[in-house]
Structure formats: structure tokens, C-alpha cells
Amino acid sequence: MKKVLFKTFLLLSIIVFSSCSGNDEETNPDSSFKNEIKMTINGREVIFNQVVVGENDYHVYKDLGGAIKLTGTVDGATNEVITVSILKDKVGTGSLAEILYEAAGQRYVYSPWVSAWDCVNTPSNIVLVTTSNDGSTISGDFSGRLTHCQYDNGNETVEADFNFTEASFSVKY
């Protein structure tokens, strides 16, 4: 009798464990979605394929309801980084909080809410349209010009600027 119970227990254990094995196939129906920020900078396409989602806690954006910060790198390298901050739950053209781009030792910052970060005589000009911003997905398109200025004795000198086109962001978080 003990042998019959042992064999029955063993058979049931095998059935239970084999039916609970993991599924090796990807079952995510949206597996083609890629978290990325991409843009063409002076004719060079850049895809920031590593995107970290956080919160931009600058006080101006807190007063506007908060901002979601998307920080993108190329394969995790830090020599070229872009941060796009979008006001929470906002879509359309009034959703941009700021763009920060760092490369080649230069830092470019643009915000329609904080003019002190921009060049006075040669300002950045960015058009951004957020198409989705629902608390789990954020996406949109943008283009424009970013400038980096040096201030010396009240004089402004544009040290670097560039145009970017075909820029977009799409992130699920």
C-alpha cells in the first residue's frame, strides 16, 4: 500500500510541476514598442535607446502640477544625454517643461517657463507636441534649435548651437 501511495504521490508531483513550468515564449502583445527618444541632429540620426523615467522636481514645474522627466542615453553611455521633461497629464503644444541636452562638454537647456536658462540674443526655439500622456505612456514629437551661450561682462556669445529635426519620444512606464 505504501508503494502505491508513493507512486501516486510521485506521479501527481510530476504532473503538477510540469504544468507549472514557465512559458518560454514572449506573450506581450505590444513587444514591438520601444522606449526611446530619437532625433536628427544636423543630419545625424541619434537614438537614445536607454530611457529612465523620473520626476522633474524643479519648483516651477511643481507649481504647474509636476513634470515627468525622460532621460535618454545611447546604449547607457554618458557622453551624449538628453532629458525631456513634460508637464504631467498635459498634451498638445503647452506640455513642454524643459529640454536638457549634454554632449561634447556643452550643456544646452531650454524651457518656455524659465527664460534665464536660454540665450537672450539668440534664443533656442523648440516646438514640441505631446500626443499621449496618460500616466503610463508618454509620447510626442519635437523639433527646433538649441543654443549654448557664454556670458562675460554682460555680453552674450553663442558658443554652440544646432538644429534638430524628426525628433520623437515614446515611453511606457
N, C-alpha and C. Protein backbone atom coordinates (compact mmCIF):
# COMPACT_ATOMS: atom_id res chain seq x y z
N MET A 1 0.80 -1.18 0.00
CA MET A 1 0.00 0.00 0.00
C MET A 1 0.86 1.26 0.00
N LYS A 2 1.96 1.23 0.77
CA LYS A 2 2.86 2.38 0.82
C LYS A 2 3.46 2.65 -0.56
N LYS A 3 3.78 1.59 -1.30
CA LYS A 3 4.36 1.76 -2.62
C LYS A 3 3.35 2.40 -3.58
N VAL A 4 2.08 2.02 -3.49
CA VAL A 4 1.04 2.59 -4.34
C VAL A 4 0.85 4.06 -4.01
N LEU A 5 0.79 4.41 -2.73
CA LEU A 5 0.66 5.82 -2.34
C LEU A 5 1.88 6.64 -2.77
N PHE A 6 3.06 6.07 -2.60
CA PHE A 6 4.28 6.77 -3.01
C PHE A 6 4.28 7.02 -4.51
N LYS A 7 3.94 6.01 -5.30
CA LYS A 7 3.90 6.15 -6.76
C LYS A 7 2.82 7.14 -7.18
N THR A 8 1.68 7.12 -6.52
CA THR A 8 0.62 8.08 -6.83
C THR A 8 1.07 9.50 -6.51
N PHE A 9 1.68 9.69 -5.34
CA PHE A 9 2.20 11.00 -4.96
C PHE A 9 3.27 11.48 -5.94
N LEU A 10 4.17 10.58 -6.33
CA LEU A 10 5.22 10.92 -7.28
C LEU A 10 4.63 11.31 -8.62
N LEU A 11 3.65 10.58 -9.11
CA LEU A 11 3.00 10.88 -10.38
C LEU A 11 2.29 12.23 -10.31
N LEU A 12 1.57 12.49 -9.23
CA LEU A 12 0.89 13.78 -9.09
C LEU A 12 1.89 14.94 -9.01
N SER A 13 2.99 14.73 -8.32
CA SER A 13 4.02 15.77 -8.22
C SER A 13 4.59 16.10 -9.59
N ILE A 14 4.85 15.09 -10.37
CA ILE A 14 5.40 15.31 -11.73
C ILE A 14 4.39 16.09 -12.57
N ILE A 15 3.12 15.72 -12.48
CA ILE A 15 2.08 16.41 -13.26
C ILE A 15 1.97 17.87 -12.82
N VAL A 16 1.95 18.11 -11.51
CA VAL A 16 1.82 19.48 -11.01
C VAL A 16 3.02 20.33 -11.42
N PHE A 17 4.22 19.85 -11.22
CA PHE A 17 5.41 20.65 -11.54
C PHE A 17 5.59 20.86 -13.04
N SER A 18 5.22 19.91 -13.84
CA SER A 18 5.37 20.10 -15.28
C SER A 18 4.31 21.04 -15.82
N SER A 19 3.14 21.10 -15.20
CA SER A 19 2.10 22.03 -15.66
C SER A 19 2.37 23.45 -15.21
N CYS A 20 3.24 23.63 -14.22
CA CYS A 20 3.55 24.96 -13.71
C CYS A 20 4.85 25.52 -14.27
N SER A 21 5.42 24.89 -15.25
CA SER A 21 6.68 25.38 -15.79
C SER A 21 6.47 26.71 -16.49
N GLY A 22 7.52 27.51 -16.54
CA GLY A 22 7.44 28.83 -17.14
C GLY A 22 7.23 28.76 -18.64
N ASN A 23 6.63 29.81 -19.17
CA ASN A 23 6.40 29.91 -20.60
C ASN A 23 7.62 30.57 -21.22
N ASP A 24 8.27 29.89 -22.13
CA ASP A 24 9.48 30.42 -22.74
C ASP A 24 9.20 31.42 -23.84
N GLU A 25 7.96 31.50 -24.30
CA GLU A 25 7.64 32.41 -25.39
C GLU A 25 7.20 33.76 -24.84
N GLU A 26 7.54 34.82 -25.55
CA GLU A 26 7.12 36.16 -25.17
C GLU A 26 5.64 36.30 -25.50
N THR A 27 4.83 36.60 -24.50
CA THR A 27 3.39 36.73 -24.71
C THR A 27 2.93 38.18 -24.70
N ASN A 28 3.83 39.12 -24.59
CA ASN A 28 3.48 40.53 -24.58
C ASN A 28 2.99 40.93 -25.97
N PRO A 29 1.72 41.29 -26.12
CA PRO A 29 1.22 41.65 -27.44
C PRO A 29 1.82 42.95 -27.97
N ASP A 30 2.43 43.76 -27.10
CA ASP A 30 2.99 45.04 -27.51
C ASP A 30 4.52 44.98 -27.49
N SER A 31 5.09 43.83 -27.83
CA SER A 31 6.54 43.65 -27.74
C SER A 31 7.30 44.48 -28.78
N SER A 32 6.61 45.03 -29.77
CA SER A 32 7.30 45.86 -30.77
C SER A 32 7.53 47.29 -30.25
N PHE A 33 6.91 47.67 -29.13
CA PHE A 33 7.07 49.00 -28.57
C PHE A 33 8.48 49.17 -28.02
N LYS A 34 9.12 50.28 -28.33
CA LYS A 34 10.47 50.56 -27.84
C LYS A 34 10.46 51.87 -27.07
N ASN A 35 10.98 51.83 -25.85
CA ASN A 35 11.19 53.06 -25.10
C ASN A 35 12.39 53.76 -25.72
N GLU A 36 12.16 54.95 -26.29
CA GLU A 36 13.28 55.65 -26.91
C GLU A 36 12.95 57.12 -27.13
N ILE A 37 14.02 57.87 -27.25
CA ILE A 37 13.97 59.26 -27.70
C ILE A 37 14.89 59.30 -28.91
N LYS A 38 14.39 59.76 -30.03
CA LYS A 38 15.26 59.81 -31.20
C LYS A 38 15.13 61.16 -31.88
N MET A 39 16.22 61.54 -32.55
CA MET A 39 16.25 62.83 -33.22
C MET A 39 17.37 62.86 -34.25
N THR A 40 17.25 63.78 -35.18
CA THR A 40 18.30 64.00 -36.17
C THR A 40 18.95 65.34 -35.82
N ILE A 41 20.25 65.29 -35.52
CA ILE A 41 21.00 66.48 -35.12
C ILE A 41 21.94 66.85 -36.27
N ASN A 42 21.68 67.98 -36.89
CA ASN A 42 22.50 68.42 -38.04
C ASN A 42 22.73 67.27 -39.03
N GLY A 43 21.69 66.51 -39.33
CA GLY A 43 21.78 65.43 -40.32
C GLY A 43 22.18 64.07 -39.76
N ARG A 44 22.56 63.98 -38.49
CA ARG A 44 22.99 62.72 -37.87
C ARG A 44 21.86 62.18 -36.99
N GLU A 45 21.38 60.95 -37.32
CA GLU A 45 20.32 60.36 -36.52
C GLU A 45 20.89 59.79 -35.23
N VAL A 46 20.26 60.13 -34.10
CA VAL A 46 20.67 59.64 -32.78
C VAL A 46 19.45 58.99 -32.15
N ILE A 47 19.63 57.75 -31.68
CA ILE A 47 18.55 57.05 -30.99
C ILE A 47 19.00 56.80 -29.55
N PHE A 48 18.33 57.47 -28.63
CA PHE A 48 18.59 57.28 -27.20
C PHE A 48 17.73 56.09 -26.78
N ASN A 49 18.34 54.91 -26.76
CA ASN A 49 17.60 53.67 -26.58
C ASN A 49 17.52 53.20 -25.12
N GLN A 50 18.15 53.89 -24.22
CA GLN A 50 18.04 53.61 -22.79
C GLN A 50 17.36 54.83 -22.17
N VAL A 51 16.12 54.67 -21.72
CA VAL A 51 15.37 55.80 -21.19
C VAL A 51 14.95 55.50 -19.75
N VAL A 52 15.29 56.43 -18.87
CA VAL A 52 14.91 56.34 -17.46
C VAL A 52 13.82 57.37 -17.22
N VAL A 53 12.75 56.95 -16.55
CA VAL A 53 11.64 57.84 -16.26
C VAL A 53 11.71 58.26 -14.80
N GLY A 54 11.58 59.55 -14.56
CA GLY A 54 11.60 60.08 -13.20
C GLY A 54 10.69 61.28 -13.11
N GLU A 55 10.92 62.07 -12.09
CA GLU A 55 10.14 63.28 -11.89
C GLU A 55 11.07 64.48 -11.86
N ASN A 56 10.73 65.53 -12.58
CA ASN A 56 11.48 66.77 -12.53
C ASN A 56 10.90 67.57 -11.38
N ASP A 57 11.67 67.73 -10.31
CA ASP A 57 11.14 68.36 -9.11
C ASP A 57 11.49 69.85 -8.99
N TYR A 58 11.88 70.48 -10.11
CA TYR A 58 12.14 71.91 -10.07
C TYR A 58 10.86 72.62 -9.63
N HIS A 59 10.99 73.60 -8.73
CA HIS A 59 9.83 74.21 -8.09
C HIS A 59 8.83 74.82 -9.07
N VAL A 60 9.30 75.38 -10.18
CA VAL A 60 8.39 75.97 -11.16
C VAL A 60 7.44 74.89 -11.70
N TYR A 61 7.97 73.71 -11.97
CA TYR A 61 7.14 72.64 -12.53
C TYR A 61 6.21 72.05 -11.48
N LYS A 62 6.64 72.05 -10.21
CA LYS A 62 5.73 71.60 -9.15
C LYS A 62 4.51 72.51 -9.09
N ASP A 63 4.73 73.83 -9.25
CA ASP A 63 3.62 74.78 -9.24
C ASP A 63 2.68 74.56 -10.41
N LEU A 64 3.17 73.94 -11.49
CA LEU A 64 2.35 73.67 -12.67
C LEU A 64 1.72 72.27 -12.64
N GLY A 65 1.86 71.56 -11.54
CA GLY A 65 1.27 70.23 -11.40
C GLY A 65 2.27 69.09 -11.51
N GLY A 66 3.54 69.42 -11.68
CA GLY A 66 4.58 68.39 -11.76
C GLY A 66 5.00 68.10 -13.19
N ALA A 67 6.14 67.46 -13.33
CA ALA A 67 6.66 67.13 -14.66
C ALA A 67 7.32 65.76 -14.65
N ILE A 68 7.11 65.03 -15.71
CA ILE A 68 7.74 63.72 -15.91
C ILE A 68 9.04 63.95 -16.67
N LYS A 69 10.12 63.36 -16.18
CA LYS A 69 11.44 63.55 -16.77
C LYS A 69 11.88 62.25 -17.46
N LEU A 70 12.15 62.36 -18.76
CA LEU A 70 12.65 61.24 -19.55
C LEU A 70 14.12 61.50 -19.84
N THR A 71 15.02 60.68 -19.31
CA THR A 71 16.45 60.86 -19.53
C THR A 71 16.95 59.73 -20.41
N GLY A 72 17.47 60.09 -21.58
CA GLY A 72 17.89 59.10 -22.55
C GLY A 72 19.38 59.10 -22.81
N THR A 73 19.93 57.89 -22.96
CA THR A 73 21.33 57.72 -23.34
C THR A 73 21.39 56.73 -24.50
N VAL A 74 22.52 56.71 -25.18
CA VAL A 74 22.74 55.75 -26.26
C VAL A 74 23.51 54.58 -25.67
N ASP A 75 22.85 53.44 -25.56
CA ASP A 75 23.44 52.22 -25.01
C ASP A 75 24.02 52.43 -23.61
N GLY A 76 23.46 53.36 -22.83
CA GLY A 76 23.91 53.60 -21.47
C GLY A 76 25.14 54.49 -21.34
N ALA A 77 25.72 54.93 -22.44
CA ALA A 77 26.91 55.80 -22.40
C ALA A 77 26.48 57.20 -21.94
N THR A 78 27.37 57.91 -21.27
CA THR A 78 27.03 59.23 -20.75
C THR A 78 27.67 60.38 -21.53
N ASN A 79 28.27 60.11 -22.68
CA ASN A 79 28.88 61.18 -23.46
C ASN A 79 27.86 61.99 -24.25
N GLU A 80 26.64 61.50 -24.38
CA GLU A 80 25.56 62.23 -25.05
C GLU A 80 24.26 61.85 -24.33
N VAL A 81 23.65 62.84 -23.68
CA VAL A 81 22.47 62.59 -22.85
C VAL A 81 21.41 63.65 -23.17
N ILE A 82 20.17 63.20 -23.27
CA ILE A 82 19.06 64.14 -23.44
C ILE A 82 18.04 63.89 -22.34
N THR A 83 17.50 64.98 -21.82
CA THR A 83 16.42 64.91 -20.85
C THR A 83 15.27 65.76 -21.36
N VAL A 84 14.12 65.14 -21.51
CA VAL A 84 12.91 65.83 -21.94
C VAL A 84 11.93 65.76 -20.78
N SER A 85 11.52 66.92 -20.29
CA SER A 85 10.56 66.97 -19.18
C SER A 85 9.22 67.48 -19.71
N ILE A 86 8.19 66.70 -19.43
CA ILE A 86 6.84 67.00 -19.91
C ILE A 86 5.94 67.21 -18.70
N LEU A 87 5.12 68.26 -18.75
CA LEU A 87 4.18 68.51 -17.66
C LEU A 87 3.20 67.35 -17.54
N LYS A 88 2.94 66.93 -16.31
CA LYS A 88 2.07 65.77 -16.07
C LYS A 88 0.67 66.01 -16.63
N ASP A 89 0.16 64.97 -17.27
CA ASP A 89 -1.21 64.93 -17.79
C ASP A 89 -1.51 65.98 -18.85
N LYS A 90 -0.50 66.64 -19.39
CA LYS A 90 -0.71 67.65 -20.43
C LYS A 90 -0.40 67.05 -21.80
N VAL A 91 -1.19 67.40 -22.78
CA VAL A 91 -0.92 67.02 -24.17
C VAL A 91 -0.99 68.28 -25.02
N GLY A 92 -0.49 68.16 -26.24
CA GLY A 92 -0.51 69.30 -27.14
C GLY A 92 0.76 70.12 -27.06
N THR A 93 0.67 71.38 -27.47
CA THR A 93 1.85 72.23 -27.57
C THR A 93 2.24 72.88 -26.26
N GLY A 94 1.41 72.91 -25.25
CA GLY A 94 1.74 73.55 -23.98
C GLY A 94 2.27 72.58 -22.94
N SER A 95 2.78 71.44 -23.36
CA SER A 95 3.16 70.39 -22.42
C SER A 95 4.65 70.36 -22.07
N LEU A 96 5.49 71.06 -22.80
CA LEU A 96 6.94 71.01 -22.56
C LEU A 96 7.31 71.78 -21.30
N ALA A 97 8.04 71.09 -20.41
CA ALA A 97 8.60 71.77 -19.24
C ALA A 97 10.02 72.23 -19.57
N GLU A 98 10.88 71.31 -20.04
CA GLU A 98 12.23 71.69 -20.44
C GLU A 98 12.89 70.58 -21.24
N ILE A 99 13.91 70.98 -21.97
CA ILE A 99 14.80 70.04 -22.66
C ILE A 99 16.22 70.37 -22.24
N LEU A 100 16.96 69.35 -21.85
CA LEU A 100 18.36 69.48 -21.49
C LEU A 100 19.13 68.48 -22.34
N TYR A 101 20.12 68.97 -23.07
CA TYR A 101 20.95 68.11 -23.92
C TYR A 101 22.40 68.38 -23.58
N GLU A 102 23.16 67.33 -23.33
CA GLU A 102 24.58 67.46 -23.00
C GLU A 102 25.40 66.57 -23.93
N ALA A 103 26.39 67.19 -24.58
CA ALA A 103 27.29 66.45 -25.47
C ALA A 103 28.53 67.29 -25.72
N ALA A 104 29.64 66.61 -25.90
CA ALA A 104 30.92 67.27 -26.22
C ALA A 104 31.25 68.40 -25.24
N GLY A 105 30.93 68.19 -23.99
CA GLY A 105 31.25 69.19 -22.97
C GLY A 105 30.35 70.40 -22.97
N GLN A 106 29.34 70.42 -23.81
CA GLN A 106 28.41 71.56 -23.87
C GLN A 106 27.08 71.15 -23.25
N ARG A 107 26.45 72.12 -22.62
CA ARG A 107 25.14 71.89 -22.00
C ARG A 107 24.15 72.87 -22.60
N TYR A 108 23.08 72.33 -23.15
CA TYR A 108 22.03 73.13 -23.77
C TYR A 108 20.76 72.94 -22.96
N VAL A 109 20.13 74.03 -22.56
CA VAL A 109 18.90 73.95 -21.77
C VAL A 109 17.87 74.88 -22.38
N TYR A 110 16.64 74.38 -22.49
CA TYR A 110 15.54 75.23 -22.96
C TYR A 110 14.31 74.94 -22.13
N SER A 111 13.64 76.00 -21.70
CA SER A 111 12.36 75.88 -21.02
C SER A 111 11.51 77.09 -21.36
N PRO A 112 10.28 76.85 -21.77
CA PRO A 112 9.40 78.01 -22.01
C PRO A 112 8.99 78.69 -20.70
N TRP A 113 9.26 78.04 -19.55
CA TRP A 113 8.85 78.55 -18.25
C TRP A 113 9.99 79.26 -17.51
N VAL A 114 11.26 79.01 -17.90
CA VAL A 114 12.41 79.59 -17.20
C VAL A 114 13.31 80.23 -18.25
N SER A 115 13.09 81.48 -18.56
CA SER A 115 13.83 82.15 -19.63
C SER A 115 15.29 82.39 -19.27
N ALA A 116 15.66 82.38 -18.00
CA ALA A 116 17.05 82.63 -17.61
C ALA A 116 17.99 81.53 -18.10
N TRP A 117 17.46 80.36 -18.45
CA TRP A 117 18.32 79.27 -18.91
C TRP A 117 18.66 79.39 -20.39
N ASP A 118 18.03 80.31 -21.09
CA ASP A 118 18.18 80.39 -22.54
C ASP A 118 19.03 81.59 -22.92
N CYS A 119 19.63 81.54 -24.10
CA CYS A 119 20.37 82.69 -24.62
C CYS A 119 19.38 83.83 -24.87
N VAL A 120 19.78 85.03 -24.53
CA VAL A 120 18.89 86.17 -24.67
C VAL A 120 18.82 86.65 -26.12
N ASN A 121 19.97 86.87 -26.74
CA ASN A 121 20.00 87.43 -28.09
C ASN A 121 19.80 86.38 -29.19
N THR A 122 20.14 85.15 -28.91
CA THR A 122 19.99 84.07 -29.89
C THR A 122 19.28 82.91 -29.18
N PRO A 123 18.00 83.03 -28.93
CA PRO A 123 17.32 82.03 -28.11
C PRO A 123 17.10 80.70 -28.84
N SER A 124 16.98 79.67 -28.03
CA SER A 124 16.55 78.38 -28.55
C SER A 124 15.10 78.51 -28.98
N ASN A 125 14.72 77.67 -29.90
CA ASN A 125 13.34 77.68 -30.37
C ASN A 125 12.92 76.24 -30.58
N ILE A 126 11.98 75.76 -29.78
CA ILE A 126 11.56 74.37 -29.85
C ILE A 126 10.05 74.29 -29.95
N VAL A 127 9.60 73.45 -30.86
CA VAL A 127 8.18 73.14 -30.98
C VAL A 127 8.02 71.69 -30.58
N LEU A 128 7.24 71.44 -29.53
CA LEU A 128 7.01 70.09 -29.02
C LEU A 128 5.51 69.87 -28.90
N VAL A 129 5.07 68.72 -29.39
CA VAL A 129 3.66 68.34 -29.28
C VAL A 129 3.60 66.97 -28.62
N THR A 130 2.98 66.90 -27.45
CA THR A 130 2.79 65.64 -26.76
C THR A 130 1.47 65.04 -27.23
N THR A 131 1.51 63.79 -27.71
CA THR A 131 0.31 63.14 -28.22
C THR A 131 -0.33 62.18 -27.22
N SER A 132 0.47 61.64 -26.30
CA SER A 132 -0.04 60.73 -25.28
C SER A 132 0.66 61.05 -23.96
N ASN A 133 -0.13 61.16 -22.88
CA ASN A 133 0.43 61.47 -21.57
C ASN A 133 -0.60 61.06 -20.52
N ASP A 134 -0.74 59.74 -20.33
CA ASP A 134 -1.83 59.23 -19.51
C ASP A 134 -1.39 58.61 -18.19
N GLY A 135 -0.16 58.82 -17.77
CA GLY A 135 0.32 58.25 -16.52
C GLY A 135 1.01 56.92 -16.67
N SER A 136 0.95 56.31 -17.85
CA SER A 136 1.68 55.07 -18.10
C SER A 136 2.39 55.08 -19.44
N THR A 137 1.96 55.94 -20.34
CA THR A 137 2.58 56.09 -21.66
C THR A 137 2.71 57.58 -21.95
N ILE A 138 3.87 57.95 -22.49
CA ILE A 138 4.07 59.34 -22.88
C ILE A 138 4.78 59.34 -24.22
N SER A 139 4.25 60.13 -25.17
CA SER A 139 4.86 60.16 -26.50
C SER A 139 4.56 61.49 -27.16
N GLY A 140 5.37 61.82 -28.15
CA GLY A 140 5.18 63.05 -28.90
C GLY A 140 6.32 63.30 -29.86
N ASP A 141 6.28 64.46 -30.49
CA ASP A 141 7.27 64.86 -31.49
C ASP A 141 7.76 66.27 -31.17
N PHE A 142 9.00 66.55 -31.58
CA PHE A 142 9.53 67.90 -31.39
C PHE A 142 10.61 68.19 -32.42
N SER A 143 10.90 69.47 -32.58
CA SER A 143 11.97 69.92 -33.47
C SER A 143 12.35 71.33 -33.06
N GLY A 144 13.48 71.78 -33.55
CA GLY A 144 13.88 73.15 -33.24
C GLY A 144 15.38 73.36 -33.20
N ARG A 145 15.77 74.35 -32.42
CA ARG A 145 17.17 74.78 -32.32
C ARG A 145 17.52 74.96 -30.85
N LEU A 146 18.69 74.44 -30.48
CA LEU A 146 19.21 74.65 -29.13
C LEU A 146 20.51 75.43 -29.22
N THR A 147 20.69 76.37 -28.31
CA THR A 147 21.91 77.18 -28.28
C THR A 147 22.57 77.06 -26.92
N HIS A 148 23.88 77.26 -26.93
CA HIS A 148 24.67 77.31 -25.71
C HIS A 148 25.42 78.64 -25.71
N CYS A 149 25.18 79.46 -24.69
CA CYS A 149 25.78 80.79 -24.65
C CYS A 149 26.74 80.93 -23.48
N GLN A 150 27.70 81.81 -23.68
CA GLN A 150 28.65 82.19 -22.63
C GLN A 150 28.40 83.66 -22.32
N TYR A 151 28.33 83.97 -21.03
CA TYR A 151 28.13 85.35 -20.61
C TYR A 151 29.41 85.87 -19.97
N ASP A 152 29.89 87.02 -20.47
CA ASP A 152 31.11 87.60 -19.95
C ASP A 152 30.95 89.12 -19.91
N ASN A 153 31.01 89.68 -18.73
CA ASN A 153 30.88 91.14 -18.54
C ASN A 153 29.61 91.68 -19.20
N GLY A 154 28.51 90.95 -19.06
CA GLY A 154 27.23 91.40 -19.61
C GLY A 154 27.05 91.12 -21.09
N ASN A 155 28.07 90.57 -21.74
CA ASN A 155 27.96 90.25 -23.16
C ASN A 155 27.67 88.77 -23.36
N GLU A 156 26.83 88.49 -24.32
CA GLU A 156 26.45 87.12 -24.62
C GLU A 156 27.14 86.67 -25.91
N THR A 157 27.75 85.50 -25.85
CA THR A 157 28.38 84.91 -27.04
C THR A 157 27.82 83.51 -27.22
N VAL A 158 27.32 83.23 -28.43
CA VAL A 158 26.85 81.88 -28.73
C VAL A 158 28.07 81.01 -28.96
N GLU A 159 28.29 80.06 -28.08
CA GLU A 159 29.43 79.14 -28.22
C GLU A 159 29.11 77.97 -29.12
N ALA A 160 27.87 77.53 -29.12
CA ALA A 160 27.47 76.39 -29.95
C ALA A 160 25.96 76.41 -30.13
N ASP A 161 25.53 75.93 -31.25
CA ASP A 161 24.10 75.74 -31.47
C ASP A 161 23.92 74.65 -32.52
N PHE A 162 22.75 74.09 -32.55
CA PHE A 162 22.45 73.07 -33.54
C PHE A 162 20.96 72.99 -33.75
N ASN A 163 20.60 72.48 -34.90
CA ASN A 163 19.21 72.24 -35.23
C ASN A 163 18.93 70.75 -35.14
N PHE A 164 17.75 70.42 -34.69
CA PHE A 164 17.36 69.02 -34.68
C PHE A 164 15.97 68.90 -35.29
N THR A 165 15.77 67.80 -36.00
CA THR A 165 14.52 67.54 -36.68
C THR A 165 14.10 66.10 -36.42
N GLU A 166 12.94 65.76 -36.89
CA GLU A 166 12.43 64.39 -36.81
C GLU A 166 12.63 63.79 -35.42
N ALA A 167 12.43 64.61 -34.41
CA ALA A 167 12.64 64.16 -33.04
C ALA A 167 11.32 63.64 -32.48
N SER A 168 11.43 62.55 -31.71
CA SER A 168 10.25 61.97 -31.09
C SER A 168 10.63 61.27 -29.80
N PHE A 169 9.64 61.06 -28.98
CA PHE A 169 9.84 60.29 -27.74
C PHE A 169 8.63 59.38 -27.57
N SER A 170 8.89 58.18 -27.10
CA SER A 170 7.80 57.24 -26.80
C SER A 170 8.28 56.32 -25.68
N VAL A 171 7.58 56.39 -24.55
CA VAL A 171 8.00 55.66 -23.36
C VAL A 171 6.78 55.11 -22.64
N LYS A 172 6.87 53.86 -22.22
CA LYS A 172 5.89 53.26 -21.31
C LYS A 172 6.59 53.08 -19.97
N TYR A 173 5.89 53.44 -18.91
CA TYR A 173 6.48 53.31 -17.58
C TYR A 173 5.47 52.84 -16.57
